[in-house]
Amino acid sequence: MVWNDPINLMSYVTWVFMTYFSYPREEAERLMWAVHNEGRAVVSTGTREEMERDVQAMHGYGLWATTERAD
C-alpha cells in the first residue's frame, strides 16, 4: 500500500511505479491518481516477503508505504 504524502510530486510517484514495478505509463498514472485522490493505492500483491521487499523499496524512493493483509 502506497500512501499519499505532501512531499512527492505526482510525476515522481508515476516514475517510481514505472521504474520499480515496470508498470506501463497508463497503469502507473492510474495508481498515482488513486494515491492522490483516495489517499492510498495497492500497488503490489504477493507473499509477505515480497511485500516487505516492495515496502522497503518504496521507502528507499522516499514514498510512504505499508503492508496490509488482503481479505
PDB file of N, CA and C in Angstrom:
ATOM      1  N   MET A   1       0.851  -1.159   0.000  1.00  0.00           N
ATOM      2  CA  MET A   1       0.000   0.000   0.000  1.00  0.00           C
ATOM      3  C   MET A   1       0.902   1.228   0.000  1.00  0.00           C
ATOM      4  N   VAL A   2       0.713   2.091  -0.981  1.00  0.00           N
ATOM      5  CA  VAL A   2       1.418   3.372  -1.002  1.00  0.00           C
ATOM      6  C   VAL A   2       0.422   4.446  -0.611  1.00  0.00           C
ATOM      7  N   TRP A   3       0.860   5.351   0.266  1.00  0.00           N
ATOM      8  CA  TRP A   3       0.008   6.390   0.841  1.00  0.00           C
ATOM      9  C   TRP A   3       0.360   7.745   0.258  1.00  0.00           C
ATOM     10  N   ASN A   4      -0.632   8.611   0.207  1.00  0.00           N
ATOM     11  CA  ASN A   4      -0.419   9.981  -0.243  1.00  0.00           C
ATOM     12  C   ASN A   4       0.461  10.707   0.772  1.00  0.00           C
ATOM     13  N   ASP A   5       1.289  11.597   0.276  1.00  0.00           N
ATOM     14  CA  ASP A   5       2.106  12.419   1.156  1.00  0.00           C
ATOM     15  C   ASP A   5       2.215  13.823   0.574  1.00  0.00           C
ATOM     16  N   PRO A   6       2.579  14.789   1.391  1.00  0.00           N
ATOM     17  CA  PRO A   6       2.642  16.174   0.922  1.00  0.00           C
ATOM     18  C   PRO A   6       3.977  16.533   0.281  1.00  0.00           C
ATOM     19  N   ILE A   7       4.848  15.560   0.083  1.00  0.00           N
ATOM     20  CA  ILE A   7       6.212  15.846  -0.339  1.00  0.00           C
ATOM     21  C   ILE A   7       6.463  15.522  -1.810  1.00  0.00           C
ATOM     22  N   ASN A   8       6.109  14.313  -2.237  1.00  0.00           N
ATOM     23  CA  ASN A   8       6.491  13.834  -3.566  1.00  0.00           C
ATOM     24  C   ASN A   8       5.552  14.330  -4.653  1.00  0.00           C
ATOM     25  N   LEU A   9       6.144  14.725  -5.771  1.00  0.00           N
ATOM     26  CA  LEU A   9       5.371  15.162  -6.929  1.00  0.00           C
ATOM     27  C   LEU A   9       4.674  13.968  -7.579  1.00  0.00           C
ATOM     28  N   MET A  10       3.527  14.221  -8.181  1.00  0.00           N
ATOM     29  CA  MET A  10       2.787  13.157  -8.865  1.00  0.00           C
ATOM     30  C   MET A  10       3.625  12.543  -9.980  1.00  0.00           C
ATOM     31  N   SER A  11       4.388  13.346 -10.689  1.00  0.00           N
ATOM     32  CA  SER A  11       5.239  12.823 -11.769  1.00  0.00           C
ATOM     33  C   SER A  11       6.304  11.889 -11.212  1.00  0.00           C
ATOM     34  N   TYR A  12       6.830  12.200 -10.040  1.00  0.00           N
ATOM     35  CA  TYR A  12       7.836  11.342  -9.410  1.00  0.00           C
ATOM     36  C   TYR A  12       7.221  10.011  -8.997  1.00  0.00           C
ATOM     37  N   VAL A  13       6.038  10.052  -8.391  1.00  0.00           N
ATOM     38  CA  VAL A  13       5.364   8.812  -7.974  1.00  0.00           C
ATOM     39  C   VAL A  13       5.103   7.928  -9.197  1.00  0.00           C
ATOM     40  N   THR A  14       4.638   8.532 -10.284  1.00  0.00           N
ATOM     41  CA  THR A  14       4.422   7.786 -11.528  1.00  0.00           C
ATOM     42  C   THR A  14       5.725   7.154 -11.989  1.00  0.00           C
ATOM     43  N   TRP A  15       6.805   7.921 -11.968  1.00  0.00           N
ATOM     44  CA  TRP A  15       8.125   7.420 -12.389  1.00  0.00           C
ATOM     45  C   TRP A  15       8.561   6.241 -11.524  1.00  0.00           C
ATOM     46  N   VAL A  16       8.357   6.332 -10.204  1.00  0.00           N
ATOM     47  CA  VAL A  16       8.732   5.234  -9.305  1.00  0.00           C
ATOM     48  C   VAL A  16       7.963   3.974  -9.680  1.00  0.00           C
ATOM     49  N   PHE A  17       6.663   4.091  -9.896  1.00  0.00           N
ATOM     50  CA  PHE A  17       5.848   2.924 -10.239  1.00  0.00           C
ATOM     51  C   PHE A  17       6.295   2.311 -11.562  1.00  0.00           C
ATOM     52  N   MET A  18       6.660   3.147 -12.518  1.00  0.00           N
ATOM     53  CA  MET A  18       7.138   2.646 -13.812  1.00  0.00           C
ATOM     54  C   MET A  18       8.516   2.002 -13.661  1.00  0.00           C
ATOM     55  N   THR A  19       9.368   2.612 -12.860  1.00  0.00           N
ATOM     56  CA  THR A  19      10.746   2.139 -12.714  1.00  0.00           C
ATOM     57  C   THR A  19      10.833   0.872 -11.886  1.00  0.00           C
ATOM     58  N   TYR A  20      10.239   0.884 -10.714  1.00  0.00           N
ATOM     59  CA  TYR A  20      10.374  -0.255  -9.808  1.00  0.00           C
ATOM     60  C   TYR A  20       9.470  -1.422 -10.190  1.00  0.00           C
ATOM     61  N   PHE A  21       8.203  -1.136 -10.466  1.00  0.00           N
ATOM     62  CA  PHE A  21       7.242  -2.203 -10.753  1.00  0.00           C
ATOM     63  C   PHE A  21       7.118  -2.522 -12.240  1.00  0.00           C
ATOM     64  N   SER A  22       7.772  -1.726 -13.085  1.00  0.00           N
ATOM     65  CA  SER A  22       7.715  -1.902 -14.548  1.00  0.00           C
ATOM     66  C   SER A  22       6.293  -1.761 -15.087  1.00  0.00           C
ATOM     67  N   TYR A  23       5.493  -0.921 -14.425  1.00  0.00           N
ATOM     68  CA  TYR A  23       4.158  -0.657 -14.930  1.00  0.00           C
ATOM     69  C   TYR A  23       4.244   0.219 -16.170  1.00  0.00           C
ATOM     70  N   PRO A  24       3.383  -0.035 -17.163  1.00  0.00           N
ATOM     71  CA  PRO A  24       3.305   0.910 -18.280  1.00  0.00           C
ATOM     72  C   PRO A  24       2.788   2.251 -17.759  1.00  0.00           C
ATOM     73  N   ARG A  25       3.064   3.318 -18.485  1.00  0.00           N
ATOM     74  CA  ARG A  25       2.709   4.665 -18.032  1.00  0.00           C
ATOM     75  C   ARG A  25       1.240   4.774 -17.622  1.00  0.00           C
ATOM     76  N   GLU A  26       0.325   4.220 -18.420  1.00  0.00           N
ATOM     77  CA  GLU A  26      -1.110   4.323 -18.099  1.00  0.00           C
ATOM     78  C   GLU A  26      -1.437   3.741 -16.732  1.00  0.00           C
ATOM     79  N   GLU A  27      -0.908   2.560 -16.425  1.00  0.00           N
ATOM     80  CA  GLU A  27      -1.177   1.916 -15.143  1.00  0.00           C
ATOM     81  C   GLU A  27      -0.505   2.686 -14.009  1.00  0.00           C
ATOM     82  N   ALA A  28       0.714   3.125 -14.215  1.00  0.00           N
ATOM     83  CA  ALA A  28       1.421   3.903 -13.196  1.00  0.00           C
ATOM     84  C   ALA A  28       0.664   5.186 -12.884  1.00  0.00           C
ATOM     85  N   GLU A  29       0.140   5.851 -13.912  1.00  0.00           N
ATOM     86  CA  GLU A  29      -0.628   7.075 -13.691  1.00  0.00           C
ATOM     87  C   GLU A  29      -1.961   6.781 -12.991  1.00  0.00           C
ATOM     88  N   ARG A  30      -2.613   5.677 -13.351  1.00  0.00           N
ATOM     89  CA  ARG A  30      -3.863   5.302 -12.690  1.00  0.00           C
ATOM     90  C   ARG A  30      -3.622   5.100 -11.196  1.00  0.00           C
ATOM     91  N   LEU A  31      -2.538   4.383 -10.859  1.00  0.00           N
ATOM     92  CA  LEU A  31      -2.213   4.141  -9.450  1.00  0.00           C
ATOM     93  C   LEU A  31      -1.829   5.437  -8.744  1.00  0.00           C
ATOM     94  N   MET A  32      -1.081   6.296  -9.423  1.00  0.00           N
ATOM     95  CA  MET A  32      -0.703   7.579  -8.834  1.00  0.00           C
ATOM     96  C   MET A  32      -1.948   8.402  -8.519  1.00  0.00           C
ATOM     97  N   TRP A  33      -2.919   8.423  -9.447  1.00  0.00           N
ATOM     98  CA  TRP A  33      -4.156   9.175  -9.211  1.00  0.00           C
ATOM     99  C   TRP A  33      -4.945   8.581  -8.054  1.00  0.00           C
ATOM    100  N   ALA A  34      -4.914   7.258  -7.909  1.00  0.00           N
ATOM    101  CA  ALA A  34      -5.589   6.627  -6.763  1.00  0.00           C
ATOM    102  C   ALA A  34      -4.930   7.077  -5.461  1.00  0.00           C
ATOM    103  N   VAL A  35      -3.606   7.096  -5.440  1.00  0.00           N
ATOM    104  CA  VAL A  35      -2.894   7.575  -4.254  1.00  0.00           C
ATOM    105  C   VAL A  35      -3.297   9.018  -3.973  1.00  0.00           C
ATOM    106  N   HIS A  36      -3.298   9.838  -4.993  1.00  0.00           N
ATOM    107  CA  HIS A  36      -3.591  11.262  -4.834  1.00  0.00           C
ATOM    108  C   HIS A  36      -5.037  11.516  -4.407  1.00  0.00           C
ATOM    109  N   ASN A  37      -5.984  10.876  -5.066  1.00  0.00           N
ATOM    110  CA  ASN A  37      -7.402  11.146  -4.822  1.00  0.00           C
ATOM    111  C   ASN A  37      -8.006  10.365  -3.661  1.00  0.00           C
ATOM    112  N   GLU A  38      -7.556   9.129  -3.472  1.00  0.00           N
ATOM    113  CA  GLU A  38      -8.131   8.274  -2.437  1.00  0.00           C
ATOM    114  C   GLU A  38      -7.254   8.171  -1.196  1.00  0.00           C
ATOM    115  N   GLY A  39      -6.029   8.694  -1.292  1.00  0.00           N
ATOM    116  CA  GLY A  39      -5.121   8.681  -0.161  1.00  0.00           C
ATOM    117  C   GLY A  39      -4.216   7.477  -0.096  1.00  0.00           C
ATOM    118  N   ARG A  40      -4.497   6.478  -0.930  1.00  0.00           N
ATOM    119  CA  ARG A  40      -3.678   5.260  -0.927  1.00  0.00           C
ATOM    120  C   ARG A  40      -4.010   4.427  -2.153  1.00  0.00           C
ATOM    121  N   ALA A  41      -3.131   3.481  -2.454  1.00  0.00           N
ATOM    122  CA  ALA A  41      -3.378   2.535  -3.541  1.00  0.00           C
ATOM    123  C   ALA A  41      -2.584   1.259  -3.296  1.00  0.00           C
ATOM    124  N   VAL A  42      -3.193   0.145  -3.634  1.00  0.00           N
ATOM    125  CA  VAL A  42      -2.490  -1.133  -3.611  1.00  0.00           C
ATOM    126  C   VAL A  42      -1.677  -1.197  -4.901  1.00  0.00           C
ATOM    127  N   VAL A  43      -0.364  -1.247  -4.761  1.00  0.00           N
ATOM    128  CA  VAL A  43       0.495  -1.232  -5.943  1.00  0.00           C
ATOM    129  C   VAL A  43       1.142  -2.585  -6.208  1.00  0.00           C
ATOM    130  N   SER A  44       1.006  -3.510  -5.263  1.00  0.00           N
ATOM    131  CA  SER A  44       1.627  -4.822  -5.434  1.00  0.00           C
ATOM    132  C   SER A  44       0.952  -5.817  -4.499  1.00  0.00           C
ATOM    133  N   THR A  45       0.928  -7.074  -4.906  1.00  0.00           N
ATOM    134  CA  THR A  45       0.433  -8.157  -4.058  1.00  0.00           C
ATOM    135  C   THR A  45       1.401  -9.322  -4.164  1.00  0.00           C
ATOM    136  N   GLY A  46       1.385 -10.172  -3.164  1.00  0.00           N
ATOM    137  CA  GLY A  46       2.264 -11.339  -3.184  1.00  0.00           C
ATOM    138  C   GLY A  46       2.464 -11.879  -1.790  1.00  0.00           C
ATOM    139  N   THR A  47       3.566 -12.613  -1.617  1.00  0.00           N
ATOM    140  CA  THR A  47       3.878 -13.186  -0.310  1.00  0.00           C
ATOM    141  C   THR A  47       4.315 -12.079   0.640  1.00  0.00           C
ATOM    142  N   ARG A  48       4.306 -12.391   1.913  1.00  0.00           N
ATOM    143  CA  ARG A  48       4.736 -11.419   2.925  1.00  0.00           C
ATOM    144  C   ARG A  48       6.153 -10.924   2.632  1.00  0.00           C
ATOM    145  N   GLU A  49       7.035 -11.841   2.279  1.00  0.00           N
ATOM    146  CA  GLU A  49       8.421 -11.472   1.997  1.00  0.00           C
ATOM    147  C   GLU A  49       8.513 -10.534   0.792  1.00  0.00           C
ATOM    148  N   GLU A  50       7.736 -10.809  -0.249  1.00  0.00           N
ATOM    149  CA  GLU A  50       7.724  -9.939  -1.424  1.00  0.00           C
ATOM    150  C   GLU A  50       7.208  -8.546  -1.077  1.00  0.00           C
ATOM    151  N   MET A  51       6.158  -8.511  -0.252  1.00  0.00           N
ATOM    152  CA  MET A  51       5.581  -7.219   0.113  1.00  0.00           C
ATOM    153  C   MET A  51       6.532  -6.418   0.997  1.00  0.00           C
ATOM    154  N   GLU A  52       7.223  -7.099   1.911  1.00  0.00           N
ATOM    155  CA  GLU A  52       8.210  -6.406   2.744  1.00  0.00           C
ATOM    156  C   GLU A  52       9.333  -5.834   1.885  1.00  0.00           C
ATOM    157  N   ARG A  53       9.746  -6.579   0.869  1.00  0.00           N
ATOM    158  CA  ARG A  53      10.770  -6.086  -0.058  1.00  0.00           C
ATOM    159  C   ARG A  53      10.262  -4.861  -0.802  1.00  0.00           C
ATOM    160  N   ASP A  54       9.025  -4.908  -1.280  1.00  0.00           N
ATOM    161  CA  ASP A  54       8.466  -3.772  -2.020  1.00  0.00           C
ATOM    162  C   ASP A  54       8.299  -2.542  -1.119  1.00  0.00           C
ATOM    163  N   VAL A  55       7.869  -2.748   0.120  1.00  0.00           N
ATOM    164  CA  VAL A  55       7.725  -1.630   1.053  1.00  0.00           C
ATOM    165  C   VAL A  55       9.087  -0.982   1.300  1.00  0.00           C
ATOM    166  N   GLN A  56      10.101  -1.790   1.521  1.00  0.00           N
ATOM    167  CA  GLN A  56      11.444  -1.243   1.731  1.00  0.00           C
ATOM    168  C   GLN A  56      11.917  -0.474   0.504  1.00  0.00           C
ATOM    169  N   ALA A  57      11.606  -0.990  -0.680  1.00  0.00           N
ATOM    170  CA  ALA A  57      11.989  -0.288  -1.913  1.00  0.00           C
ATOM    171  C   ALA A  57      11.282   1.054  -2.003  1.00  0.00           C
ATOM    172  N   MET A  58       9.982   1.086  -1.672  1.00  0.00           N
ATOM    173  CA  MET A  58       9.247   2.352  -1.726  1.00  0.00           C
ATOM    174  C   MET A  58       9.824   3.348  -0.719  1.00  0.00           C
ATOM    175  N   HIS A  59      10.201   2.867   0.464  1.00  0.00           N
ATOM    176  CA  HIS A  59      10.846   3.745   1.440  1.00  0.00           C
ATOM    177  C   HIS A  59      12.156   4.285   0.880  1.00  0.00           C
ATOM    178  N   GLY A  60      12.878   3.452   0.154  1.00  0.00           N
ATOM    179  CA  GLY A  60      14.127   3.889  -0.467  1.00  0.00           C
ATOM    180  C   GLY A  60      13.916   5.000  -1.484  1.00  0.00           C
ATOM    181  N   TYR A  61      12.758   5.000  -2.124  1.00  0.00           N
ATOM    182  CA  TYR A  61      12.394   6.061  -3.077  1.00  0.00           C
ATOM    183  C   TYR A  61      11.769   7.268  -2.361  1.00  0.00           C
ATOM    184  N   GLY A  62      11.592   7.159  -1.058  1.00  0.00           N
ATOM    185  CA  GLY A  62      11.015   8.270  -0.305  1.00  0.00           C
ATOM    186  C   GLY A  62       9.505   8.284  -0.261  1.00  0.00           C
ATOM    187  N   LEU A  63       8.848   7.178  -0.625  1.00  0.00           N
ATOM    188  CA  LEU A  63       7.395   7.099  -0.575  1.00  0.00           C
ATOM    189  C   LEU A  63       6.954   6.458   0.726  1.00  0.00           C
ATOM    190  N   TRP A  64       5.764   6.826   1.189  1.00  0.00           N
ATOM    191  CA  TRP A  64       5.185   6.214   2.377  1.00  0.00           C
ATOM    192  C   TRP A  64       4.472   4.942   1.942  1.00  0.00           C
ATOM    193  N   ALA A  65       4.893   3.800   2.504  1.00  0.00           N
ATOM    194  CA  ALA A  65       4.301   2.516   2.112  1.00  0.00           C
ATOM    195  C   ALA A  65       4.208   1.610   3.320  1.00  0.00           C
ATOM    196  N   THR A  66       3.186   0.757   3.301  1.00  0.00           N
ATOM    197  CA  THR A  66       2.986  -0.230   4.356  1.00  0.00           C
ATOM    198  C   THR A  66       2.486  -1.519   3.729  1.00  0.00           C
ATOM    199  N   THR A  67       2.546  -2.578   4.523  1.00  0.00           N
ATOM    200  CA  THR A  67       1.916  -3.829   4.098  1.00  0.00           C
ATOM    201  C   THR A  67       0.552  -3.914   4.768  1.00  0.00           C
ATOM    202  N   GLU A  68      -0.338  -4.612   4.101  1.00  0.00           N
ATOM    203  CA  GLU A  68      -1.679  -4.793   4.651  1.00  0.00           C
ATOM    204  C   GLU A  68      -2.160  -6.160   4.197  1.00  0.00           C
ATOM    205  N   ARG A  69      -2.686  -6.917   5.101  1.00  0.00           N
ATOM    206  CA  ARG A  69      -3.201  -8.252   4.756  1.00  0.00           C
ATOM    207  C   ARG A  69      -4.463  -8.123   3.907  1.00  0.00           C
ATOM    208  N   ALA A  70      -4.477  -8.839   2.796  1.00  0.00           N
ATOM    209  CA  ALA A  70      -5.659  -8.841   1.929  1.00  0.00           C
ATOM    210  C   ALA A  70      -6.713  -9.761   2.539  1.00  0.00           C
ATOM    211  N   ASP A  71      -7.959  -9.348   2.455  1.00  0.00           N
ATOM    212  CA  ASP A  71      -9.055 -10.172   2.990  1.00  0.00           C
ATOM    213  C   ASP A  71      -9.547 -11.171   1.981  1.00  0.00           C
TER     214      ASP A  71
END
